[in-house]
N, C-alpha and C. Protein backbone atom coordinates (compact mmCIF):
# COMPACT_ATOMS: atom_id res chain seq x y z
N MET A 1 -77.92 24.78 109.26
CA MET A 1 -77.61 23.48 109.03
C MET A 1 -76.83 22.86 110.09
N SER A 2 -77.02 21.64 110.63
CA SER A 2 -76.61 20.80 111.57
C SER A 2 -75.08 20.28 111.12
N ASN A 3 -74.24 19.93 112.33
CA ASN A 3 -73.03 19.50 112.16
C ASN A 3 -73.04 18.19 111.17
N SER A 4 -73.99 17.28 111.52
CA SER A 4 -74.07 16.03 110.74
C SER A 4 -74.53 16.38 109.39
N GLU A 5 -75.29 17.32 109.12
CA GLU A 5 -75.65 17.62 107.65
C GLU A 5 -74.46 18.02 106.90
N MET A 6 -73.73 18.83 107.68
CA MET A 6 -72.66 19.53 106.80
C MET A 6 -71.48 18.40 106.60
N LYS A 7 -71.37 17.45 107.54
CA LYS A 7 -70.39 16.34 107.36
C LYS A 7 -70.78 15.38 106.17
N THR A 8 -72.09 15.10 105.99
CA THR A 8 -72.72 14.39 105.12
C THR A 8 -72.43 15.06 103.76
N LYS A 9 -72.62 16.40 103.55
CA LYS A 9 -72.54 17.01 102.21
C LYS A 9 -71.07 17.11 101.97
N SER A 10 -70.27 17.09 102.99
CA SER A 10 -68.63 17.32 102.63
C SER A 10 -68.30 15.82 102.39
N ASN A 11 -68.74 14.67 102.79
CA ASN A 11 -68.45 13.41 102.58
C ASN A 11 -68.88 13.28 100.81
N VAL A 12 -69.93 13.71 100.60
CA VAL A 12 -70.53 13.48 99.30
C VAL A 12 -69.54 14.24 98.25
N SER A 13 -69.12 15.66 98.64
CA SER A 13 -68.39 16.32 97.81
C SER A 13 -66.96 15.61 97.72
N LEU A 14 -66.43 15.20 98.87
CA LEU A 14 -65.11 14.40 98.84
C LEU A 14 -65.18 13.30 97.87
N ARG A 15 -66.40 12.43 98.03
CA ARG A 15 -66.41 11.25 96.89
C ARG A 15 -66.46 11.75 95.54
N VAL A 16 -67.13 12.68 95.20
CA VAL A 16 -67.19 13.25 93.89
C VAL A 16 -65.89 13.59 93.36
N ALA A 17 -65.32 14.30 94.24
CA ALA A 17 -64.18 15.01 93.92
C ALA A 17 -62.90 13.56 93.70
N LEU A 18 -63.05 12.67 94.59
CA LEU A 18 -62.03 11.59 94.32
C LEU A 18 -62.63 10.66 93.10
N ILE A 19 -63.79 10.72 92.85
CA ILE A 19 -64.01 10.03 91.52
C ILE A 19 -63.54 10.75 90.35
N ALA A 20 -63.75 12.10 90.24
CA ALA A 20 -63.14 12.70 89.21
C ALA A 20 -61.69 12.73 88.95
N ILE A 21 -61.07 12.95 90.18
CA ILE A 21 -59.64 12.66 90.21
C ILE A 21 -59.01 11.22 89.68
N PHE A 22 -59.52 10.19 90.39
CA PHE A 22 -59.16 8.80 89.84
C PHE A 22 -59.53 8.53 88.56
N SER A 23 -60.83 9.14 88.14
CA SER A 23 -61.17 8.73 86.72
C SER A 23 -60.30 9.26 85.93
N THR A 24 -59.86 10.55 85.97
CA THR A 24 -58.82 11.44 85.02
C THR A 24 -57.59 10.32 85.07
N LEU A 25 -57.10 10.12 86.27
CA LEU A 25 -55.94 9.37 86.32
C LEU A 25 -55.98 7.95 85.68
N VAL A 26 -57.00 7.35 85.71
CA VAL A 26 -57.13 6.11 85.03
C VAL A 26 -57.17 6.40 83.65
N PHE A 27 -57.89 7.61 83.11
CA PHE A 27 -57.90 7.88 81.77
C PHE A 27 -56.46 8.01 81.17
N VAL A 28 -55.43 8.79 82.02
CA VAL A 28 -54.15 9.12 81.69
C VAL A 28 -53.37 7.73 81.53
N SER A 29 -53.55 6.91 82.63
CA SER A 29 -52.83 5.58 82.54
C SER A 29 -53.29 4.69 81.46
N SER A 30 -54.65 4.85 80.89
CA SER A 30 -55.15 4.05 79.91
C SER A 30 -54.19 4.43 78.54
N LEU A 31 -54.08 5.93 78.61
CA LEU A 31 -53.40 6.32 77.26
C LEU A 31 -51.96 5.55 77.21
N LEU A 32 -51.35 5.60 78.35
CA LEU A 32 -49.99 5.16 78.56
C LEU A 32 -50.10 3.71 78.14
N ASN A 33 -50.97 2.98 78.50
CA ASN A 33 -51.24 1.44 78.24
C ASN A 33 -51.39 1.19 76.65
N ARG A 34 -52.14 2.01 76.24
CA ARG A 34 -52.46 1.92 74.71
C ARG A 34 -51.13 2.06 73.92
N TYR A 35 -50.08 3.00 74.44
CA TYR A 35 -49.07 3.19 73.51
C TYR A 35 -47.72 2.26 73.93
N THR A 36 -48.03 1.52 75.04
CA THR A 36 -46.95 0.53 75.39
C THR A 36 -47.28 -0.77 75.40
N MET A 37 -48.36 -1.04 74.81
CA MET A 37 -48.78 -2.54 74.74
C MET A 37 -48.99 -3.19 75.90
N GLN A 38 -49.61 -2.60 76.91
CA GLN A 38 -50.00 -2.93 78.37
C GLN A 38 -48.63 -2.92 79.20
N GLY A 39 -47.65 -2.33 78.69
CA GLY A 39 -46.39 -2.30 79.38
C GLY A 39 -46.67 -1.51 80.76
N THR A 40 -47.39 -0.45 80.87
CA THR A 40 -47.50 0.28 82.06
C THR A 40 -48.72 -0.05 82.78
N GLN A 41 -49.18 -1.20 82.45
CA GLN A 41 -50.56 -1.85 83.23
C GLN A 41 -50.47 -1.76 84.72
N ILE A 42 -49.13 -1.87 85.19
CA ILE A 42 -49.21 -1.73 86.70
C ILE A 42 -49.55 -0.39 87.12
N ILE A 43 -49.33 0.89 86.51
CA ILE A 43 -49.73 2.10 86.91
C ILE A 43 -51.17 2.22 86.75
N PHE A 44 -51.80 1.61 85.76
CA PHE A 44 -53.24 1.67 85.58
C PHE A 44 -53.86 0.80 86.91
N ALA A 45 -53.24 -0.26 87.19
CA ALA A 45 -53.79 -1.16 88.30
C ALA A 45 -53.70 -0.45 89.64
N ILE A 46 -52.78 0.27 89.75
CA ILE A 46 -52.41 0.91 91.17
C ILE A 46 -53.35 2.22 91.28
N VAL A 47 -53.55 2.90 90.15
CA VAL A 47 -54.33 4.15 90.29
C VAL A 47 -55.84 3.78 90.37
N PHE A 48 -56.16 2.88 89.48
CA PHE A 48 -57.58 2.09 89.56
C PHE A 48 -57.87 1.78 90.86
N GLY A 49 -56.89 0.75 91.52
CA GLY A 49 -57.25 0.14 92.64
C GLY A 49 -57.10 1.02 93.97
N ALA A 50 -56.19 2.15 93.84
CA ALA A 50 -56.32 2.91 94.80
C ALA A 50 -57.60 3.89 95.00
N GLY A 51 -58.03 4.22 93.98
CA GLY A 51 -59.25 4.88 93.86
C GLY A 51 -60.61 4.01 94.39
N ILE A 52 -60.43 2.73 93.94
CA ILE A 52 -61.48 1.97 94.35
C ILE A 52 -61.40 1.76 96.07
N LEU A 53 -60.33 1.44 96.40
CA LEU A 53 -59.89 1.13 97.81
C LEU A 53 -60.36 2.25 98.76
N LEU A 54 -59.92 3.41 98.21
CA LEU A 54 -60.15 4.66 98.82
C LEU A 54 -61.69 5.06 99.00
N LEU A 55 -62.52 4.70 97.93
CA LEU A 55 -63.77 5.10 98.12
C LEU A 55 -64.72 3.82 98.93
N ALA A 56 -64.14 2.79 98.74
CA ALA A 56 -64.55 1.51 99.34
C ALA A 56 -66.16 1.16 99.42
N TYR A 57 -66.88 1.46 98.41
CA TYR A 57 -68.30 1.08 98.41
C TYR A 57 -68.55 0.28 97.03
N PRO A 58 -69.33 -0.74 97.16
CA PRO A 58 -69.77 -1.42 95.91
C PRO A 58 -70.25 -0.44 94.83
N GLY A 59 -69.61 -0.66 93.48
CA GLY A 59 -69.88 0.34 92.67
C GLY A 59 -68.94 1.32 92.32
N ALA A 60 -67.96 1.40 93.17
CA ALA A 60 -66.66 2.25 93.02
C ALA A 60 -66.00 2.08 91.75
N ALA A 61 -65.80 0.78 91.55
CA ALA A 61 -64.97 0.36 90.39
C ALA A 61 -65.83 0.75 88.94
N THR A 62 -67.01 0.40 88.98
CA THR A 62 -67.70 0.84 87.89
C THR A 62 -67.92 2.20 87.61
N THR A 63 -68.13 2.89 88.55
CA THR A 63 -68.28 4.55 88.44
C THR A 63 -66.80 5.03 88.00
N ILE A 64 -65.89 4.80 88.46
CA ILE A 64 -64.54 5.13 88.09
C ILE A 64 -64.20 4.86 86.75
N ALA A 65 -64.52 3.64 86.35
CA ALA A 65 -64.11 3.04 84.90
C ALA A 65 -65.08 3.74 84.02
N LEU A 66 -66.35 3.85 84.32
CA LEU A 66 -67.33 4.41 83.36
C LEU A 66 -66.94 6.03 83.16
N VAL A 67 -66.52 6.68 84.08
CA VAL A 67 -66.12 8.13 83.97
C VAL A 67 -65.10 8.19 83.05
N ALA A 68 -64.05 7.32 83.41
CA ALA A 68 -62.76 7.25 82.77
C ALA A 68 -63.06 6.90 81.20
N GLY A 69 -63.83 5.88 81.06
CA GLY A 69 -64.21 5.54 79.81
C GLY A 69 -64.95 6.49 78.99
N SER A 70 -65.81 7.38 79.63
CA SER A 70 -66.52 8.34 78.85
C SER A 70 -65.53 9.42 78.44
N ILE A 71 -64.35 9.59 78.91
CA ILE A 71 -63.26 10.55 78.48
C ILE A 71 -62.47 9.74 77.36
N TYR A 72 -62.25 8.57 77.55
CA TYR A 72 -61.23 7.78 76.65
C TYR A 72 -61.91 7.76 75.32
N MET A 73 -63.11 7.55 75.17
CA MET A 73 -63.84 7.28 73.96
C MET A 73 -63.72 8.14 73.09
N PHE A 74 -63.55 9.35 73.49
CA PHE A 74 -63.26 10.60 72.47
C PHE A 74 -61.96 10.65 71.69
N GLN A 75 -61.04 9.94 72.10
CA GLN A 75 -59.62 9.67 71.42
C GLN A 75 -59.45 8.32 70.89
N SER A 76 -60.37 7.28 71.04
CA SER A 76 -60.30 5.98 70.73
C SER A 76 -60.74 5.82 69.30
N SER A 77 -60.05 4.84 68.64
CA SER A 77 -60.50 4.39 67.40
C SER A 77 -61.86 3.65 67.46
N LEU A 78 -62.10 3.20 68.42
CA LEU A 78 -63.36 2.29 68.54
C LEU A 78 -64.46 3.27 69.10
N GLY A 79 -64.20 4.59 69.30
CA GLY A 79 -65.32 5.44 69.66
C GLY A 79 -66.20 5.06 70.95
N PHE A 80 -67.27 5.15 70.66
CA PHE A 80 -68.25 4.85 71.83
C PHE A 80 -67.97 3.47 72.40
N LEU A 81 -67.63 2.62 71.44
CA LEU A 81 -67.61 0.87 71.85
C LEU A 81 -66.44 0.86 72.94
N SER A 82 -65.57 1.75 72.89
CA SER A 82 -64.37 1.41 73.91
C SER A 82 -64.98 1.58 75.34
N ILE A 83 -66.12 2.29 75.56
CA ILE A 83 -66.54 2.35 76.94
C ILE A 83 -66.99 0.97 77.28
N THR A 84 -67.42 0.12 76.46
CA THR A 84 -67.78 -1.21 76.94
C THR A 84 -66.52 -1.90 77.58
N LEU A 85 -65.32 -1.59 77.23
CA LEU A 85 -64.01 -2.29 77.84
C LEU A 85 -63.96 -1.83 79.42
N PHE A 86 -64.26 -0.29 79.53
CA PHE A 86 -64.23 0.08 80.94
C PHE A 86 -65.19 -0.30 81.70
N ALA A 87 -66.30 -0.41 81.12
CA ALA A 87 -67.53 -1.03 81.91
C ALA A 87 -67.20 -2.43 82.37
N ALA A 88 -66.73 -3.34 81.34
CA ALA A 88 -66.40 -4.65 81.88
C ALA A 88 -65.42 -4.60 82.92
N ARG A 89 -64.41 -3.86 82.88
CA ARG A 89 -63.42 -3.80 83.92
C ARG A 89 -64.00 -3.41 85.30
N GLY A 90 -64.85 -2.56 85.34
CA GLY A 90 -65.48 -1.95 86.40
C GLY A 90 -66.45 -2.97 87.03
N LEU A 91 -67.21 -3.64 86.31
CA LEU A 91 -68.08 -4.70 86.65
C LEU A 91 -67.61 -5.94 87.17
N PHE A 92 -66.48 -6.41 86.50
CA PHE A 92 -65.65 -7.50 86.97
C PHE A 92 -65.05 -7.19 88.18
N THR A 93 -64.31 -6.10 88.23
CA THR A 93 -63.84 -5.50 89.66
C THR A 93 -64.82 -5.57 90.71
N ASP A 94 -65.82 -4.87 90.65
CA ASP A 94 -66.98 -4.77 91.52
C ASP A 94 -67.19 -6.17 92.11
N ALA A 95 -67.62 -6.92 91.07
CA ALA A 95 -68.11 -8.25 91.38
C ALA A 95 -67.11 -9.07 92.38
N LEU A 96 -65.85 -9.03 91.87
CA LEU A 96 -64.88 -9.82 92.67
C LEU A 96 -64.75 -9.16 94.13
N PHE A 97 -64.79 -7.75 94.13
CA PHE A 97 -64.43 -7.01 95.24
C PHE A 97 -65.58 -7.34 96.31
N ILE A 98 -66.71 -7.50 95.83
CA ILE A 98 -68.07 -7.73 96.59
C ILE A 98 -68.00 -9.02 97.05
N VAL A 99 -67.68 -10.19 96.17
CA VAL A 99 -67.65 -11.52 96.65
C VAL A 99 -66.70 -12.03 97.40
N THR A 100 -65.34 -11.14 97.45
CA THR A 100 -64.38 -11.62 98.33
C THR A 100 -64.30 -10.56 99.76
N GLY A 101 -65.29 -9.68 99.78
CA GLY A 101 -65.49 -8.97 100.85
C GLY A 101 -64.31 -7.77 100.95
N ILE A 102 -63.72 -7.59 99.96
CA ILE A 102 -62.59 -6.48 99.82
C ILE A 102 -63.12 -5.11 100.33
N TYR A 103 -64.41 -4.67 99.96
CA TYR A 103 -65.05 -3.41 100.19
C TYR A 103 -65.11 -3.32 101.71
N LYS A 104 -65.89 -4.40 102.21
CA LYS A 104 -66.17 -4.42 103.62
C LYS A 104 -64.64 -4.13 104.49
N ASP A 105 -63.77 -5.03 104.04
CA ASP A 105 -62.44 -4.76 104.63
C ASP A 105 -61.85 -3.26 104.41
N ALA A 106 -61.92 -2.88 103.38
CA ALA A 106 -61.31 -1.61 102.96
C ALA A 106 -61.95 -0.52 103.83
N ARG A 107 -63.27 -0.73 104.09
CA ARG A 107 -64.04 0.34 105.01
C ARG A 107 -63.56 0.32 106.48
N ASN A 108 -62.96 -0.92 106.85
CA ASN A 108 -62.48 -1.09 108.06
C ASN A 108 -60.97 -0.90 107.99
N GLY A 109 -60.27 -0.56 107.11
CA GLY A 109 -59.11 -0.20 107.05
C GLY A 109 -58.04 -1.69 106.95
N ILE A 110 -58.78 -2.57 106.44
CA ILE A 110 -58.07 -4.01 106.37
C ILE A 110 -57.94 -4.06 104.85
N TYR A 111 -56.67 -4.33 104.60
CA TYR A 111 -56.02 -4.50 103.24
C TYR A 111 -55.50 -5.89 103.08
N ASN A 112 -56.02 -6.97 102.69
CA ASN A 112 -55.62 -8.25 102.53
C ASN A 112 -54.96 -8.32 101.21
N TRP A 113 -53.73 -8.36 101.04
CA TRP A 113 -52.84 -8.33 99.70
C TRP A 113 -53.25 -9.47 98.69
N VAL A 114 -53.51 -10.70 99.34
CA VAL A 114 -53.82 -11.80 98.57
C VAL A 114 -55.17 -11.77 97.95
N LYS A 115 -56.14 -11.21 98.59
CA LYS A 115 -57.53 -11.01 98.05
C LYS A 115 -57.45 -9.92 97.06
N ILE A 116 -56.83 -8.89 97.22
CA ILE A 116 -56.72 -7.71 96.35
C ILE A 116 -56.06 -8.04 95.01
N SER A 117 -54.79 -8.63 95.23
CA SER A 117 -53.93 -9.02 94.14
C SER A 117 -54.54 -10.06 93.24
N SER A 118 -55.36 -10.93 93.74
CA SER A 118 -56.06 -12.20 92.98
C SER A 118 -57.23 -11.46 92.40
N SER A 119 -58.05 -10.68 93.21
CA SER A 119 -59.11 -9.97 92.48
C SER A 119 -58.91 -9.16 91.15
N LEU A 120 -57.84 -8.09 91.49
CA LEU A 120 -57.47 -7.43 90.20
C LEU A 120 -56.71 -8.18 89.19
N ALA A 121 -56.01 -9.22 89.42
CA ALA A 121 -55.48 -10.02 88.24
C ALA A 121 -56.77 -10.76 87.78
N ILE A 122 -57.68 -11.34 88.49
CA ILE A 122 -58.61 -12.02 87.64
C ILE A 122 -59.59 -11.17 87.00
N ALA A 123 -59.84 -9.72 87.45
CA ALA A 123 -60.55 -8.85 86.82
C ALA A 123 -60.07 -8.35 85.44
N SER A 124 -58.70 -8.23 85.61
CA SER A 124 -57.88 -7.94 84.34
C SER A 124 -58.03 -8.99 83.29
N PHE A 125 -57.71 -10.25 83.74
CA PHE A 125 -58.07 -11.56 82.75
C PHE A 125 -59.16 -11.43 82.08
N LEU A 126 -60.36 -11.41 82.87
CA LEU A 126 -61.71 -11.29 82.41
C LEU A 126 -61.93 -10.02 81.45
N THR A 127 -61.28 -9.16 81.81
CA THR A 127 -61.52 -7.83 80.89
C THR A 127 -61.06 -8.13 79.50
N GLY A 128 -59.66 -8.54 79.53
CA GLY A 128 -58.90 -8.99 78.50
C GLY A 128 -59.43 -9.96 77.53
N LEU A 129 -60.09 -10.99 78.20
CA LEU A 129 -60.84 -12.11 77.53
C LEU A 129 -62.03 -11.36 76.82
N PHE A 130 -62.90 -10.47 77.47
CA PHE A 130 -63.93 -9.91 76.92
C PHE A 130 -63.52 -8.96 75.65
N HIS A 131 -62.56 -8.30 75.93
CA HIS A 131 -61.97 -7.48 74.78
C HIS A 131 -61.66 -8.25 73.63
N TYR A 132 -60.81 -9.41 73.76
CA TYR A 132 -60.42 -10.21 72.78
C TYR A 132 -61.70 -10.92 72.10
N MET A 133 -62.61 -11.54 72.81
CA MET A 133 -63.67 -12.29 72.44
C MET A 133 -64.53 -11.20 71.51
N PHE A 134 -64.83 -10.05 72.12
CA PHE A 134 -65.96 -9.17 71.63
C PHE A 134 -65.36 -8.24 70.37
N PHE A 135 -64.17 -7.68 70.44
CA PHE A 135 -63.65 -6.91 69.35
C PHE A 135 -62.86 -7.55 68.31
N VAL A 136 -62.42 -8.70 68.54
CA VAL A 136 -61.47 -9.39 67.59
C VAL A 136 -62.29 -10.44 66.93
N PHE A 137 -63.15 -11.41 67.80
CA PHE A 137 -63.84 -12.33 67.19
C PHE A 137 -65.18 -12.01 66.78
N PHE A 138 -66.00 -11.43 67.61
CA PHE A 138 -67.44 -11.13 67.41
C PHE A 138 -67.49 -9.88 66.47
N LEU A 139 -67.03 -8.95 66.65
CA LEU A 139 -67.30 -7.80 65.87
C LEU A 139 -66.07 -7.57 64.79
N ASN A 140 -64.93 -8.25 64.89
CA ASN A 140 -63.94 -8.13 63.85
C ASN A 140 -63.28 -6.75 63.58
N LEU A 141 -63.29 -5.96 64.60
CA LEU A 141 -62.85 -4.46 64.56
C LEU A 141 -61.45 -4.39 64.71
N LEU A 142 -60.71 -5.26 65.48
CA LEU A 142 -59.43 -5.37 65.77
C LEU A 142 -58.58 -6.47 65.16
N ILE A 143 -57.31 -6.28 65.01
CA ILE A 143 -56.42 -7.26 64.29
C ILE A 143 -56.24 -8.48 65.54
N ASP A 144 -56.24 -9.60 65.01
CA ASP A 144 -55.61 -10.78 65.79
C ASP A 144 -54.27 -10.75 65.52
N PHE A 145 -53.55 -10.49 66.71
CA PHE A 145 -51.95 -10.42 66.54
C PHE A 145 -51.32 -11.78 66.71
N GLY A 146 -52.27 -12.84 67.02
CA GLY A 146 -51.87 -14.04 67.28
C GLY A 146 -51.49 -14.57 68.52
N VAL A 147 -51.34 -15.98 68.67
CA VAL A 147 -51.33 -16.37 70.15
C VAL A 147 -50.09 -15.73 70.89
N PHE A 148 -48.79 -15.86 70.47
CA PHE A 148 -47.81 -15.42 71.14
C PHE A 148 -47.95 -13.94 71.81
N ILE A 149 -48.51 -13.16 70.77
CA ILE A 149 -48.49 -11.63 71.30
C ILE A 149 -49.67 -11.46 72.31
N VAL A 150 -50.77 -12.05 72.01
CA VAL A 150 -51.90 -11.94 72.78
C VAL A 150 -51.62 -12.68 74.19
N SER A 151 -51.05 -13.92 74.23
CA SER A 151 -50.68 -14.49 75.53
C SER A 151 -49.66 -13.56 76.34
N THR A 152 -48.72 -12.97 75.63
CA THR A 152 -47.74 -12.20 76.34
C THR A 152 -48.42 -10.97 77.04
N ILE A 153 -49.37 -10.31 76.23
CA ILE A 153 -50.11 -9.25 76.84
C ILE A 153 -50.92 -9.63 78.13
N PHE A 154 -51.69 -10.77 78.01
CA PHE A 154 -52.31 -11.29 78.85
C PHE A 154 -51.61 -11.69 80.36
N ILE A 155 -50.47 -12.28 80.03
CA ILE A 155 -49.62 -12.60 81.22
C ILE A 155 -49.01 -11.22 81.89
N LEU A 156 -48.46 -10.46 80.98
CA LEU A 156 -47.98 -9.12 81.57
C LEU A 156 -49.08 -8.42 82.31
N SER A 157 -50.32 -8.41 81.84
CA SER A 157 -51.53 -7.71 82.50
C SER A 157 -51.84 -8.42 83.78
N ILE A 158 -52.01 -9.80 83.80
CA ILE A 158 -52.05 -10.41 85.13
C ILE A 158 -51.10 -10.19 86.13
N VAL A 159 -49.79 -10.39 85.86
CA VAL A 159 -48.79 -10.21 86.72
C VAL A 159 -48.65 -8.72 87.20
N SER A 160 -48.87 -7.85 86.35
CA SER A 160 -48.75 -6.39 86.72
C SER A 160 -49.97 -6.08 87.75
N ASN A 161 -50.91 -6.73 87.55
CA ASN A 161 -52.14 -6.64 88.50
C ASN A 161 -52.11 -7.01 89.98
N GLY A 162 -51.45 -8.26 89.68
CA GLY A 162 -51.07 -8.84 91.01
C GLY A 162 -50.06 -8.10 91.80
N ILE A 163 -49.01 -7.58 91.12
CA ILE A 163 -47.96 -6.91 91.95
C ILE A 163 -48.68 -5.60 92.37
N ALA A 164 -49.40 -5.20 91.57
CA ALA A 164 -50.23 -3.75 91.92
C ALA A 164 -51.04 -3.85 93.09
N GLY A 165 -51.82 -5.11 93.23
CA GLY A 165 -52.46 -5.45 94.42
C GLY A 165 -51.63 -5.58 95.75
N PHE A 166 -50.60 -6.10 95.55
CA PHE A 166 -49.46 -6.35 96.66
C PHE A 166 -49.05 -4.88 97.09
N ILE A 167 -48.60 -3.95 96.25
CA ILE A 167 -48.13 -2.70 96.45
C ILE A 167 -49.38 -1.84 96.96
N LEU A 168 -50.50 -1.99 96.68
CA LEU A 168 -51.48 -1.20 97.09
C LEU A 168 -51.74 -1.59 98.71
N ALA A 169 -51.89 -2.92 98.75
CA ALA A 169 -52.21 -3.42 100.12
C ALA A 169 -51.13 -3.36 101.04
N LYS A 170 -49.84 -3.31 100.75
CA LYS A 170 -48.84 -3.37 101.81
C LYS A 170 -48.31 -1.92 102.02
N TYR A 171 -48.32 -1.01 101.09
CA TYR A 171 -47.59 0.30 101.03
C TYR A 171 -48.41 1.33 100.81
N ILE A 172 -49.27 1.50 100.05
CA ILE A 172 -50.16 2.78 99.70
C ILE A 172 -51.38 2.95 100.58
N MET A 173 -52.16 1.77 100.63
CA MET A 173 -53.38 2.16 101.40
C MET A 173 -53.19 2.30 102.93
N PRO A 174 -52.30 1.56 103.58
CA PRO A 174 -52.20 1.94 105.05
C PRO A 174 -51.67 3.23 105.25
N ARG A 175 -50.97 3.78 104.43
CA ARG A 175 -50.43 5.12 104.68
C ARG A 175 -51.47 6.32 104.34
N LEU A 176 -52.41 6.07 103.67
CA LEU A 176 -53.43 7.31 103.35
C LEU A 176 -54.17 7.92 104.60
N PRO A 177 -54.57 7.07 105.53
CA PRO A 177 -55.23 7.67 106.55
C PRO A 177 -54.29 8.74 107.34
N ARG A 178 -53.07 8.42 107.27
CA ARG A 178 -52.10 9.43 107.91
C ARG A 178 -52.11 10.94 107.12
N PHE A 179 -52.70 10.97 106.02
CA PHE A 179 -52.59 12.07 105.21
C PHE A 179 -53.99 12.95 105.24
N GLY A 180 -54.72 12.20 106.22
CA GLY A 180 -56.02 12.88 106.55
C GLY A 180 -57.23 12.48 105.54
N ILE A 181 -57.13 11.40 104.78
CA ILE A 181 -58.20 10.90 103.90
C ILE A 181 -58.95 9.85 104.60
N ASP A 182 -60.20 10.25 105.06
CA ASP A 182 -60.97 9.36 105.95
C ASP A 182 -62.39 9.57 105.63
N LEU A 183 -62.85 8.73 104.82
CA LEU A 183 -64.32 8.78 104.09
C LEU A 183 -65.44 8.21 105.06
N GLN A 184 -64.86 7.33 106.00
CA GLN A 184 -65.76 6.47 106.94
C GLN A 184 -66.16 7.25 108.06
N GLY A 185 -65.23 8.16 108.45
CA GLY A 185 -65.65 8.73 109.88
C GLY A 185 -66.60 10.15 109.71
């Protein structure tokens, strides 16, 4: 086996391991979110964002979200339907990261906090809107808590994701290569 073949296999193994690790962490942070009415959304956003930016390929958000959702659905009152929330979050995040060029920048070690923060916040808002429209209005599976509580949850989630994007871009992602995590090389 040549050196390049070994490096390719090692990169694939590292990607699979990172997907498993970050999916599990996203699952755990989703449990925290569930019991704190989105109060720990910033933890979810940092873990989810770090996994996506570390992998830095289109589809990373959807992959991590779907694996986390597959675990989450076993304890959710919505069962299999809860995976749609994770899929929506992954798809919205992927779409925004592709359109804004965040994946390309991340592969080059560039982390623009404005693009990352705004993309995470918009993806969170769109996911929340999907959640509210699909589960509350369309399927009538969840209780409508009223405008004030729902608006508070939306605002908390958007602000938390914006702050998480800043923390990721300024403090977390620039330091990871120092720890020997390099998927591009």
